[in-house]
Amino acid sequence: MALMEVHYSSFAMGSNISLNVFVPTPGSSEAITDINASPKYDYRRGLPVLYLLHGAFGDAFSWIRYSNIDRYAQDRGIVVVMASAENSFYQNLKGGRRYYDFFAEELPTFIQNVFPVSRDPARTYIAGFSMGGYGAWYLANRRPDLFSKAASMSGALNIASVISNPLEGVFPFESAFADVRDQDGSYRIEGSRYDLKTLIAENHQRGCLPRLYQAVGKKDILYEDNLAMRDWVRSQGIALTYEEGSGAHDWDFWDEYIRHILDWLLED
């Protein structure tokens, strides 16, 4: 596995940015020749690629520090891209950095032109936990032409609830949703472009809905919100791969379930 820390000047960010990219390579116990080459190293065709998102207060190094994503990706022959998003909920911030533009437009274009990844949406995926779980479903449903599958772990999928009941009274994400905030300080999320239910229903009606995966632990602070989203998705007649475990909102759960997600992504 080759891990590359990449630095380049981003138009969307208006500054130099850093990101981490894992590319699977033949290991010491493997032999690769012109005659005997494993399909999982088919660089000419392009490898499947996963854009892996972090949660609030995380960054491009979260998955590297706290999980075994490098080993899991190497075993399965998939490229993994990790970039920082601050506490943006993967939105364009008012008067600040354009994270939606970066993750939905600029980053995939850069990756496709620099690394040996597939340009086929059927082999282009997105996943994340907590804030990144919302981001994965949000970005995939805004760009169903780019991502064919989206996976959420412990996702903050009900933004209205997260805003109304912030953890420990702190909600440091106001600028992400500033354009739907009323003068009294409340947010009009339902029916807006930030509302996952609205995006999912529209894509389902148009027949372009990405395949969705959802996982949450029974001890997770967002468990009830996740159950409500699961039930709503199924009530719409939408196929959903749903899993739950006994875990909490932590890396023990996410490190376990990212393996489930990788296997689900690479299913035929």
C-alpha atoms as a PDB file:
ATOM      1  CA  MET A   1       0.000   0.000   0.000  1.00  0.00           C
ATOM      2  CA  ALA A   2       1.308   3.412  -0.978  1.00  0.00           C
ATOM      3  CA  LEU A   3       0.228   6.279   1.261  1.00  0.00           C
ATOM      4  CA  MET A   4       0.699   9.690  -0.308  1.00  0.00           C
ATOM      5  CA  GLU A   5       0.220  13.024   1.418  1.00  0.00           C
ATOM      6  CA  VAL A   6      -0.631  15.443  -1.368  1.00  0.00           C
ATOM      7  CA  HIS A   7      -0.351  19.228  -1.264  1.00  0.00           C
ATOM      8  CA  TYR A   8      -1.799  21.381  -4.003  1.00  0.00           C
ATOM      9  CA  SER A   9      -3.394  24.756  -4.605  1.00  0.00           C
ATOM     10  CA  SER A  10      -7.185  24.508  -4.495  1.00  0.00           C
ATOM     11  CA  PHE A  11      -9.388  27.028  -6.274  1.00  0.00           C
ATOM     12  CA  ALA A  12     -12.406  26.044  -4.145  1.00  0.00           C
ATOM     13  CA  MET A  13     -10.442  26.500  -0.922  1.00  0.00           C
ATOM     14  CA  GLY A  14      -8.561  29.576  -2.058  1.00  0.00           C
ATOM     15  CA  SER A  15      -5.353  28.177  -0.554  1.00  0.00           C
ATOM     16  CA  ASN A  16      -2.959  25.252  -0.529  1.00  0.00           C
ATOM     17  CA  ILE A  17      -4.572  22.124   0.926  1.00  0.00           C
ATOM     18  CA  SER A  18      -3.427  18.678   2.047  1.00  0.00           C
ATOM     19  CA  LEU A  19      -5.059  15.324   1.503  1.00  0.00           C
ATOM     20  CA  ASN A  20      -4.127  11.686   1.968  1.00  0.00           C
ATOM     21  CA  VAL A  21      -4.488   9.009  -0.691  1.00  0.00           C
ATOM     22  CA  PHE A  22      -4.002   5.261  -0.244  1.00  0.00           C
ATOM     23  CA  VAL A  23      -3.215   3.340  -3.434  1.00  0.00           C
ATOM     24  CA  PRO A  24      -2.993  -0.480  -3.203  1.00  0.00           C
ATOM     25  CA  THR A  25       0.270  -1.913  -4.484  1.00  0.00           C
ATOM     26  CA  PRO A  26       1.656  -5.464  -4.631  1.00  0.00           C
ATOM     27  CA  GLY A  27       2.891  -6.560  -1.234  1.00  0.00           C
ATOM     28  CA  SER A  28       6.124  -8.363  -0.436  1.00  0.00           C
ATOM     29  CA  SER A  29       4.379 -11.746  -0.588  1.00  0.00           C
ATOM     30  CA  GLU A  30       2.860 -11.073  -4.010  1.00  0.00           C
ATOM     31  CA  ALA A  31       4.383 -11.446  -7.452  1.00  0.00           C
ATOM     32  CA  ILE A  32       3.232  -9.266 -10.318  1.00  0.00           C
ATOM     33  CA  THR A  33       4.596  -9.631 -13.848  1.00  0.00           C
ATOM     34  CA  ASP A  34       3.461  -8.904 -17.392  1.00  0.00           C
ATOM     35  CA  ILE A  35       2.247 -12.489 -17.601  1.00  0.00           C
ATOM     36  CA  ASN A  36       0.755 -12.910 -14.127  1.00  0.00           C
ATOM     37  CA  ALA A  37      -0.926  -9.733 -12.897  1.00  0.00           C
ATOM     38  CA  SER A  38      -3.694  -9.699 -10.324  1.00  0.00           C
ATOM     39  CA  PRO A  39      -6.886  -7.900 -11.445  1.00  0.00           C
ATOM     40  CA  LYS A  40      -6.908  -5.823  -8.251  1.00  0.00           C
ATOM     41  CA  TYR A  41      -3.868  -3.959  -9.583  1.00  0.00           C
ATOM     42  CA  ASP A  42      -5.420  -3.141 -12.963  1.00  0.00           C
ATOM     43  CA  TYR A  43      -4.092   0.413 -13.026  1.00  0.00           C
ATOM     44  CA  ARG A  44      -4.838   0.877 -16.730  1.00  0.00           C
ATOM     45  CA  ARG A  45      -8.530   0.193 -16.260  1.00  0.00           C
ATOM     46  CA  GLY A  46      -8.548   2.225 -13.078  1.00  0.00           C
ATOM     47  CA  LEU A  47      -9.072   1.017  -9.515  1.00  0.00           C
ATOM     48  CA  PRO A  48     -12.305   1.489  -7.584  1.00  0.00           C
ATOM     49  CA  VAL A  49     -12.127   4.608  -5.421  1.00  0.00           C
ATOM     50  CA  LEU A  50     -13.658   5.553  -2.085  1.00  0.00           C
ATOM     51  CA  TYR A  51     -13.869   9.135  -0.855  1.00  0.00           C
ATOM     52  CA  LEU A  52     -13.763   8.643   2.918  1.00  0.00           C
ATOM     53  CA  LEU A  53     -15.084  11.491   5.060  1.00  0.00           C
ATOM     54  CA  HIS A  54     -14.316  12.389   8.665  1.00  0.00           C
ATOM     55  CA  GLY A  55     -16.606  13.618  11.440  1.00  0.00           C
ATOM     56  CA  ALA A  56     -16.833  16.945  13.238  1.00  0.00           C
ATOM     57  CA  PHE A  57     -13.575  18.221  14.736  1.00  0.00           C
ATOM     58  CA  GLY A  58     -11.647  15.747  12.545  1.00  0.00           C
ATOM     59  CA  ASP A  59      -9.402  16.121   9.516  1.00  0.00           C
ATOM     60  CA  ALA A  60      -7.701  14.281   6.658  1.00  0.00           C
ATOM     61  CA  PHE A  61      -5.647  12.278   9.151  1.00  0.00           C
ATOM     62  CA  SER A  62      -8.486  10.988  11.350  1.00  0.00           C
ATOM     63  CA  TRP A  63      -8.876   7.664   9.565  1.00  0.00           C
ATOM     64  CA  ILE A  64      -5.106   7.164   9.445  1.00  0.00           C
ATOM     65  CA  ARG A  65      -4.640   7.830  13.161  1.00  0.00           C
ATOM     66  CA  TYR A  66      -7.525   5.833  14.558  1.00  0.00           C
ATOM     67  CA  SER A  67      -8.350   2.995  12.148  1.00  0.00           C
ATOM     68  CA  ASN A  68      -6.750   0.277  10.049  1.00  0.00           C
ATOM     69  CA  ILE A  69      -8.149   1.627   6.795  1.00  0.00           C
ATOM     70  CA  ASP A  70      -4.823   1.187   5.003  1.00  0.00           C
ATOM     71  CA  ARG A  71      -4.780  -2.566   5.620  1.00  0.00           C
ATOM     72  CA  TYR A  72      -8.454  -3.003   4.776  1.00  0.00           C
ATOM     73  CA  ALA A  73      -8.090  -1.056   1.522  1.00  0.00           C
ATOM     74  CA  GLN A  74      -4.928  -2.921   0.563  1.00  0.00           C
ATOM     75  CA  ASP A  75      -6.621  -6.283   1.074  1.00  0.00           C
ATOM     76  CA  ARG A  76      -9.528  -5.255  -1.166  1.00  0.00           C
ATOM     77  CA  GLY A  77      -7.642  -3.367  -3.870  1.00  0.00           C
ATOM     78  CA  ILE A  78      -9.408  -0.016  -3.525  1.00  0.00           C
ATOM     79  CA  VAL A  79      -8.027   3.528  -3.561  1.00  0.00           C
ATOM     80  CA  VAL A  80      -9.072   5.651  -0.567  1.00  0.00           C
ATOM     81  CA  VAL A  81      -9.079   9.463  -0.625  1.00  0.00           C
ATOM     82  CA  MET A  82      -9.234  11.483   2.615  1.00  0.00           C
ATOM     83  CA  ALA A  83      -9.408  15.278   2.809  1.00  0.00           C
ATOM     84  CA  SER A  84     -10.151  17.799   5.551  1.00  0.00           C
ATOM     85  CA  ALA A  85     -13.515  19.564   5.759  1.00  0.00           C
ATOM     86  CA  GLU A  86     -13.318  21.440   9.090  1.00  0.00           C
ATOM     87  CA  ASN A  87     -16.806  21.510  10.687  1.00  0.00           C
ATOM     88  CA  SER A  88     -18.447  22.395   7.379  1.00  0.00           C
ATOM     89  CA  PHE A  89     -20.916  19.526   7.024  1.00  0.00           C
ATOM     90  CA  TYR A  90     -19.439  19.443   3.510  1.00  0.00           C
ATOM     91  CA  GLN A  91     -21.157  22.708   2.525  1.00  0.00           C
ATOM     92  CA  ASN A  92     -19.934  25.943   0.986  1.00  0.00           C
ATOM     93  CA  LEU A  93     -19.388  28.168   4.028  1.00  0.00           C
ATOM     94  CA  LYS A  94     -20.822  31.657   4.041  1.00  0.00           C
ATOM     95  CA  GLY A  95     -17.958  33.994   3.285  1.00  0.00           C
ATOM     96  CA  GLY A  96     -15.479  31.137   3.552  1.00  0.00           C
ATOM     97  CA  ARG A  97     -14.227  27.958   1.973  1.00  0.00           C
ATOM     98  CA  ARG A  98     -16.352  26.164  -0.615  1.00  0.00           C
ATOM     99  CA  TYR A  99     -16.332  22.594   0.695  1.00  0.00           C
ATOM    100  CA  TYR A 100     -19.256  21.359  -1.391  1.00  0.00           C
ATOM    101  CA  ASP A 101     -17.558  22.593  -4.573  1.00  0.00           C
ATOM    102  CA  PHE A 102     -14.318  20.975  -3.451  1.00  0.00           C
ATOM    103  CA  PHE A 103     -15.702  17.511  -2.649  1.00  0.00           C
ATOM    104  CA  ALA A 104     -18.316  17.373  -5.408  1.00  0.00           C
ATOM    105  CA  GLU A 105     -16.314  18.921  -8.254  1.00  0.00           C
ATOM    106  CA  GLU A 106     -12.664  19.814  -7.774  1.00  0.00           C
ATOM    107  CA  LEU A 107     -11.373  16.871  -5.732  1.00  0.00           C
ATOM    108  CA  PRO A 108     -12.807  14.072  -7.931  1.00  0.00           C
ATOM    109  CA  THR A 109     -11.467  15.800 -11.047  1.00  0.00           C
ATOM    110  CA  PHE A 110      -8.015  16.103  -9.481  1.00  0.00           C
ATOM    111  CA  ILE A 111      -7.972  12.495  -8.280  1.00  0.00           C
ATOM    112  CA  GLN A 112      -9.157  11.115 -11.622  1.00  0.00           C
ATOM    113  CA  ASN A 113      -6.400  12.943 -13.473  1.00  0.00           C
ATOM    114  CA  VAL A 114      -3.523  12.195 -11.100  1.00  0.00           C
ATOM    115  CA  PHE A 115      -4.171   8.713  -9.661  1.00  0.00           C
ATOM    116  CA  PRO A 116      -4.984   5.334 -11.274  1.00  0.00           C
ATOM    117  CA  VAL A 117      -8.682   5.396 -10.370  1.00  0.00           C
ATOM    118  CA  SER A 118     -11.727   4.491 -12.400  1.00  0.00           C
ATOM    119  CA  ARG A 119     -13.823   7.276 -13.935  1.00  0.00           C
ATOM    120  CA  ASP A 120     -16.838   4.977 -13.915  1.00  0.00           C
ATOM    121  CA  PRO A 121     -19.498   6.109 -11.369  1.00  0.00           C
ATOM    122  CA  ALA A 122     -20.272   2.425 -10.807  1.00  0.00           C
ATOM    123  CA  ARG A 123     -16.819   2.127  -9.191  1.00  0.00           C
ATOM    124  CA  THR A 124     -16.801   5.509  -7.417  1.00  0.00           C
ATOM    125  CA  TYR A 125     -18.042   5.553  -3.823  1.00  0.00           C
ATOM    126  CA  ILE A 126     -18.334   7.790  -0.782  1.00  0.00           C
ATOM    127  CA  ALA A 127     -18.613   7.007   2.941  1.00  0.00           C
ATOM    128  CA  GLY A 128     -18.134   8.627   6.317  1.00  0.00           C
ATOM    129  CA  PHE A 129     -19.075   8.718   9.987  1.00  0.00           C
ATOM    130  CA  SER A 130     -21.081  11.228  12.052  1.00  0.00           C
ATOM    131  CA  MET A 131     -20.827  14.552  10.176  1.00  0.00           C
ATOM    132  CA  GLY A 132     -19.185  12.550   7.400  1.00  0.00           C
ATOM    133  CA  GLY A 133     -22.120  10.132   7.349  1.00  0.00           C
ATOM    134  CA  TYR A 134     -24.375  13.045   6.514  1.00  0.00           C
ATOM    135  CA  GLY A 135     -21.767  14.310   4.053  1.00  0.00           C
ATOM    136  CA  ALA A 136     -21.612  10.973   2.241  1.00  0.00           C
ATOM    137  CA  TRP A 137     -25.377  10.739   1.711  1.00  0.00           C
ATOM    138  CA  TYR A 138     -25.598  14.454   0.924  1.00  0.00           C
ATOM    139  CA  LEU A 139     -22.819  14.557  -1.664  1.00  0.00           C
ATOM    140  CA  ALA A 140     -23.961  11.329  -3.325  1.00  0.00           C
ATOM    141  CA  ASN A 141     -27.516  12.599  -3.629  1.00  0.00           C
ATOM    142  CA  ARG A 142     -26.370  15.956  -4.971  1.00  0.00           C
ATOM    143  CA  ARG A 143     -24.074  14.147  -7.430  1.00  0.00           C
ATOM    144  CA  PRO A 144     -25.714  10.790  -8.291  1.00  0.00           C
ATOM    145  CA  ASP A 145     -23.921  11.022 -11.635  1.00  0.00           C
ATOM    146  CA  LEU A 146     -20.584  10.752  -9.787  1.00  0.00           C
ATOM    147  CA  PHE A 147     -21.190   8.385  -6.846  1.00  0.00           C
ATOM    148  CA  SER A 148     -23.060   5.087  -7.239  1.00  0.00           C
ATOM    149  CA  LYS A 149     -22.988   4.097  -3.553  1.00  0.00           C
ATOM    150  CA  ALA A 150     -22.991   6.062  -0.304  1.00  0.00           C
ATOM    151  CA  ALA A 151     -22.450   4.704   3.202  1.00  0.00           C
ATOM    152  CA  SER A 152     -23.127   6.331   6.561  1.00  0.00           C
ATOM    153  CA  MET A 153     -21.886   5.206   9.982  1.00  0.00           C
ATOM    154  CA  SER A 154     -23.386   6.881  13.055  1.00  0.00           C
ATOM    155  CA  GLY A 155     -24.542   9.541  10.632  1.00  0.00           C
ATOM    156  CA  ALA A 156     -25.885  12.941  11.642  1.00  0.00           C
ATOM    157  CA  LEU A 157     -28.582  12.294   9.061  1.00  0.00           C
ATOM    158  CA  ASN A 158     -31.262  14.481  10.651  1.00  0.00           C
ATOM    159  CA  ILE A 159     -29.690  17.923  10.453  1.00  0.00           C
ATOM    160  CA  ALA A 160     -32.768  19.628  11.899  1.00  0.00           C
ATOM    161  CA  SER A 161     -32.472  17.475  15.023  1.00  0.00           C
ATOM    162  CA  VAL A 162     -28.709  18.021  15.319  1.00  0.00           C
ATOM    163  CA  ILE A 163     -29.179  21.781  15.133  1.00  0.00           C
ATOM    164  CA  SER A 164     -32.087  21.781  17.586  1.00  0.00           C
ATOM    165  CA  ASN A 165     -30.339  19.507  20.097  1.00  0.00           C
ATOM    166  CA  PRO A 166     -26.603  20.239  19.798  1.00  0.00           C
ATOM    167  CA  LEU A 167     -24.208  18.083  21.771  1.00  0.00           C
ATOM    168  CA  GLU A 168     -23.476  19.802  25.096  1.00  0.00           C
ATOM    169  CA  GLY A 169     -25.195  22.931  23.776  1.00  0.00           C
ATOM    170  CA  VAL A 170     -22.500  23.526  21.153  1.00  0.00           C
ATOM    171  CA  PHE A 171     -23.267  23.835  17.446  1.00  0.00           C
ATOM    172  CA  PRO A 172     -20.180  25.230  15.696  1.00  0.00           C
ATOM    173  CA  PHE A 173     -21.583  24.771  12.200  1.00  0.00           C
ATOM    174  CA  GLU A 174     -23.814  27.833  11.788  1.00  0.00           C
ATOM    175  CA  SER A 175     -22.116  29.140   8.654  1.00  0.00           C
ATOM    176  CA  ALA A 176     -22.785  25.857   6.851  1.00  0.00           C
ATOM    177  CA  PHE A 177     -26.550  26.442   6.973  1.00  0.00           C
ATOM    178  CA  ALA A 178     -26.645  30.230   7.217  1.00  0.00           C
ATOM    179  CA  ASP A 179     -28.957  30.723   4.240  1.00  0.00           C
ATOM    180  CA  VAL A 180     -31.818  28.813   5.897  1.00  0.00           C
ATOM    181  CA  ARG A 181     -31.525  30.491   9.305  1.00  0.00           C
ATOM    182  CA  ASP A 182     -34.370  32.796  10.327  1.00  0.00           C
ATOM    183  CA  GLN A 183     -34.006  36.025  12.270  1.00  0.00           C
ATOM    184  CA  ASP A 184     -35.125  34.256  15.447  1.00  0.00           C
ATOM    185  CA  GLY A 185     -32.148  31.886  15.112  1.00  0.00           C
ATOM    186  CA  SER A 186     -34.123  28.814  13.998  1.00  0.00           C
ATOM    187  CA  TYR A 187     -33.306  26.848  10.870  1.00  0.00           C
ATOM    188  CA  ARG A 188     -35.668  25.910   8.025  1.00  0.00           C
ATOM    189  CA  ILE A 189     -34.074  22.605   7.033  1.00  0.00           C
ATOM    190  CA  GLU A 190     -37.128  20.638   5.876  1.00  0.00           C
ATOM    191  CA  GLY A 191     -37.598  20.916   2.132  1.00  0.00           C
ATOM    192  CA  SER A 192     -34.300  22.775   1.680  1.00  0.00           C
ATOM    193  CA  ARG A 193     -31.323  21.577  -0.334  1.00  0.00           C
ATOM    194  CA  TYR A 194     -29.744  20.419   2.946  1.00  0.00           C
ATOM    195  CA  ASP A 195     -32.584  18.025   3.733  1.00  0.00           C
ATOM    196  CA  LEU A 196     -31.622  14.432   2.974  1.00  0.00           C
ATOM    197  CA  LYS A 197     -35.234  13.316   2.756  1.00  0.00           C
ATOM    198  CA  THR A 198     -35.936  15.883   0.052  1.00  0.00           C
ATOM    199  CA  LEU A 199     -32.843  14.925  -1.955  1.00  0.00           C
ATOM    200  CA  ILE A 200     -33.458  11.183  -1.630  1.00  0.00           C
ATOM    201  CA  ALA A 201     -37.133  11.470  -2.589  1.00  0.00           C
ATOM    202  CA  GLU A 202     -36.310  13.564  -5.659  1.00  0.00           C
ATOM    203  CA  ASN A 203     -33.610  11.161  -6.854  1.00  0.00           C
ATOM    204  CA  HIS A 204     -35.851   8.169  -6.201  1.00  0.00           C
ATOM    205  CA  GLN A 205     -38.584   9.750  -8.323  1.00  0.00           C
ATOM    206  CA  ARG A 206     -36.108  10.455 -11.132  1.00  0.00           C
ATOM    207  CA  GLY A 207     -34.650   6.947 -10.947  1.00  0.00           C
ATOM    208  CA  CYS A 208     -31.106   8.083 -10.193  1.00  0.00           C
ATOM    209  CA  LEU A 209     -30.841   7.321  -6.480  1.00  0.00           C
ATOM    210  CA  PRO A 210     -27.418   6.023  -5.341  1.00  0.00           C
ATOM    211  CA  ARG A 211     -27.445   2.783  -3.363  1.00  0.00           C
ATOM    212  CA  LEU A 212     -27.490   3.539   0.353  1.00  0.00           C
ATOM    213  CA  TYR A 213     -25.914   1.863   3.377  1.00  0.00           C
ATOM    214  CA  GLN A 214     -26.480   2.810   7.010  1.00  0.00           C
ATOM    215  CA  ALA A 215     -24.867   1.515  10.205  1.00  0.00           C
ATOM    216  CA  VAL A 216     -25.266   2.644  13.794  1.00  0.00           C
ATOM    217  CA  GLY A 217     -24.555   1.306  17.272  1.00  0.00           C
ATOM    218  CA  LYS A 218     -27.288   0.819  19.847  1.00  0.00           C
ATOM    219  CA  LYS A 219     -25.307   2.935  22.333  1.00  0.00           C
ATOM    220  CA  ASP A 220     -24.777   5.743  19.825  1.00  0.00           C
ATOM    221  CA  ILE A 221     -25.975   9.242  20.735  1.00  0.00           C
ATOM    222  CA  LEU A 222     -27.563   9.405  17.268  1.00  0.00           C
ATOM    223  CA  TYR A 223     -29.236   5.982  17.446  1.00  0.00           C
ATOM    224  CA  GLU A 224     -32.830   7.214  17.566  1.00  0.00           C
ATOM    225  CA  ASP A 225     -32.268   9.676  14.718  1.00  0.00           C
ATOM    226  CA  ASN A 226     -30.787   6.854  12.650  1.00  0.00           C
ATOM    227  CA  LEU A 227     -33.740   4.577  13.348  1.00  0.00           C
ATOM    228  CA  ALA A 228     -36.118   7.320  12.250  1.00  0.00           C
ATOM    229  CA  MET A 229     -34.201   7.804   8.994  1.00  0.00           C
ATOM    230  CA  ARG A 230     -34.070   4.061   8.376  1.00  0.00           C
ATOM    231  CA  ASP A 231     -37.824   3.776   8.827  1.00  0.00           C
ATOM    232  CA  TRP A 232     -38.514   6.759   6.587  1.00  0.00           C
ATOM    233  CA  VAL A 233     -36.281   5.450   3.767  1.00  0.00           C
ATOM    234  CA  ARG A 234     -37.964   2.059   3.865  1.00  0.00           C
ATOM    235  CA  SER A 235     -41.414   3.674   3.954  1.00  0.00           C
ATOM    236  CA  GLN A 236     -40.604   5.223   0.571  1.00  0.00           C
ATOM    237  CA  GLY A 237     -39.997   1.802  -0.952  1.00  0.00           C
ATOM    238  CA  ILE A 238     -36.275   2.503  -1.228  1.00  0.00           C
ATOM    239  CA  ALA A 239     -33.768  -0.312  -0.862  1.00  0.00           C
ATOM    240  CA  LEU A 240     -31.461   0.273   2.107  1.00  0.00           C
ATOM    241  CA  THR A 241     -28.693  -1.885   3.512  1.00  0.00           C
ATOM    242  CA  TYR A 242     -28.970  -1.335   7.259  1.00  0.00           C
ATOM    243  CA  GLU A 243     -26.800  -2.763  10.044  1.00  0.00           C
ATOM    244  CA  GLU A 244     -26.572  -2.060  13.727  1.00  0.00           C
ATOM    245  CA  GLY A 245     -24.280  -3.273  16.472  1.00  0.00           C
ATOM    246  CA  SER A 246     -23.852  -2.900  20.192  1.00  0.00           C
ATOM    247  CA  GLY A 247     -21.301  -0.112  19.896  1.00  0.00           C
ATOM    248  CA  ALA A 248     -21.266   3.627  20.553  1.00  0.00           C
ATOM    249  CA  HIS A 249     -20.249   6.784  18.701  1.00  0.00           C
ATOM    250  CA  ASP A 250     -16.569   5.854  18.621  1.00  0.00           C
ATOM    251  CA  TRP A 251     -13.658   4.429  16.657  1.00  0.00           C
ATOM    252  CA  ASP A 252     -14.187   0.865  17.850  1.00  0.00           C
ATOM    253  CA  PHE A 253     -17.484   0.865  15.981  1.00  0.00           C
ATOM    254  CA  TRP A 254     -16.266   2.766  12.905  1.00  0.00           C
ATOM    255  CA  ASP A 255     -13.130   0.637  12.490  1.00  0.00           C
ATOM    256  CA  GLU A 256     -15.291  -2.489  12.565  1.00  0.00           C
ATOM    257  CA  TYR A 257     -17.990  -1.293  10.214  1.00  0.00           C
ATOM    258  CA  ILE A 258     -15.738   0.285   7.596  1.00  0.00           C
ATOM    259  CA  ARG A 259     -14.832  -3.320   6.744  1.00  0.00           C
ATOM    260  CA  HIS A 260     -18.512  -4.118   6.246  1.00  0.00           C
ATOM    261  CA  ILE A 261     -18.813  -1.046   4.054  1.00  0.00           C
ATOM    262  CA  LEU A 262     -15.809  -1.890   1.882  1.00  0.00           C
ATOM    263  CA  ASP A 263     -17.210  -5.360   1.237  1.00  0.00           C
ATOM    264  CA  TRP A 264     -20.631  -3.879   0.421  1.00  0.00           C
ATOM    265  CA  LEU A 265     -19.132  -1.318  -1.947  1.00  0.00           C
ATOM    266  CA  LEU A 266     -17.252  -3.974  -3.894  1.00  0.00           C
ATOM    267  CA  GLU A 267     -20.183  -6.343  -4.272  1.00  0.00           C
ATOM    268  CA  ASP A 268     -21.310  -6.966  -7.842  1.00  0.00           C
END
